[in-house]
Amino acid sequence: MKQVGIRQARQELSDLVDRAQVGEEVVITRHGTAVARIVAVSKPAKALPSLTQFRQSIGRMGTAAAQLLREERDARCQCLYRYQHPRRVLLS
């Protein structure tokens, strides 16, 4: 970590930016007190594809989700109708 006075930083700004770009941290001081820090910018994350592109890439294969949900719900309802309590019949 390099400490530089504000006047020196003005004169050597391009060199300080180059140093920060390769990973060195540069602290700028005013009257001996740290007031700013120059560091490299982290690499941006890869941009996500648009929603339209994503939808086109997955396509429409198999059974529709609504149909699967109906089938699951109907199967659960059938189980409730078949269940019988030992003392009484539920939902008969």
Foldseek 3Di string as FASTA:
>chain_A
DAEEEPVVCVVCVVVQQVCQQVADKYFYDYPPHTDDIRHHDDDDDDDDDDPVVVDVVVDDDDDDPVVVVVVVVVVVVVVQQPDQDPVGRPPD
